[in-house]
Amino acid sequence: MRLMLAEDSTLLREGLVRLLVEEGHEVLASFGDAVSLLKEMETRRPDIVVLDIRMPPTHTTEGLRAALEIRERWPETGVLVLSQHIERHYAARLLASSAERVGYLLKDRVAQVDEFLDALERIQAGGAAIDPEVVRQLVIRSTHGDPLARLTPRERSVLETLAQGLTNPAIAEQLHISVSAVEKNLNAIFDKLELSHTTGHSRRILAVLRYLES
């Protein structure tokens, strides 16, 4: 795949470039800030952009804003955002319009090369890749009016893996259950989250958003 990178840490940026090239991918360009990345997007069309969520000059949300702009202006380009810490609000914002061709990983996950490369492949294929630690540490409100509180432990487990961007067979493998059991639990989740009248992949997106925003 063809990629562009934006990461202000020179060590991490150069390490990612080397890793991707060694895996046979083409790195079109790499930058230390989001502004330079967006300028290059005007003339190049990478398959995926990998960028840090916090970059110069303020080290707040430059990367997030760039990711949102890329998703709006070039929706065919996948976006993988890297973060030092868990910031679930940012993950929810990335998924607000669609959970296709998007990823949110903690930087520690990059060191686990196979998982990092798998995330890129999922995004390239049109799916999502949300860091399992981000999902694991989401705080679910258990109030009476919260539909998530009605989910069974198994349904919550299925929703957690769904939120990572896994397919039904991958969910089944991770939870050691059958694909039919995954489908049964997903249908129950859609019903309890009142998504039964929504069709297609959008139900999966909405279910993930309900989870991330809880």
Foldseek 3Di string as FASTA:
>chain_A
DEEEEEAQPPVVQVVVCVLQVVVPYHYPYYYPFLVVVVVVVVPDAGQEYEYEQAGPDVRDGRVLVSLVVCCVPPVNHAYAYEYQDQDLVSVLVNLVVHQWRYEYYYPVVVVVVVLVVVQNVQSSVTWYAYYLVSLVPQDDDLDPPQLVVVADPVLSLLLSVLLRGDDLVVSCVVVVHDSVVSVVSLCVLCVSVVNNPPDDPVSSSVSSSSSSVD
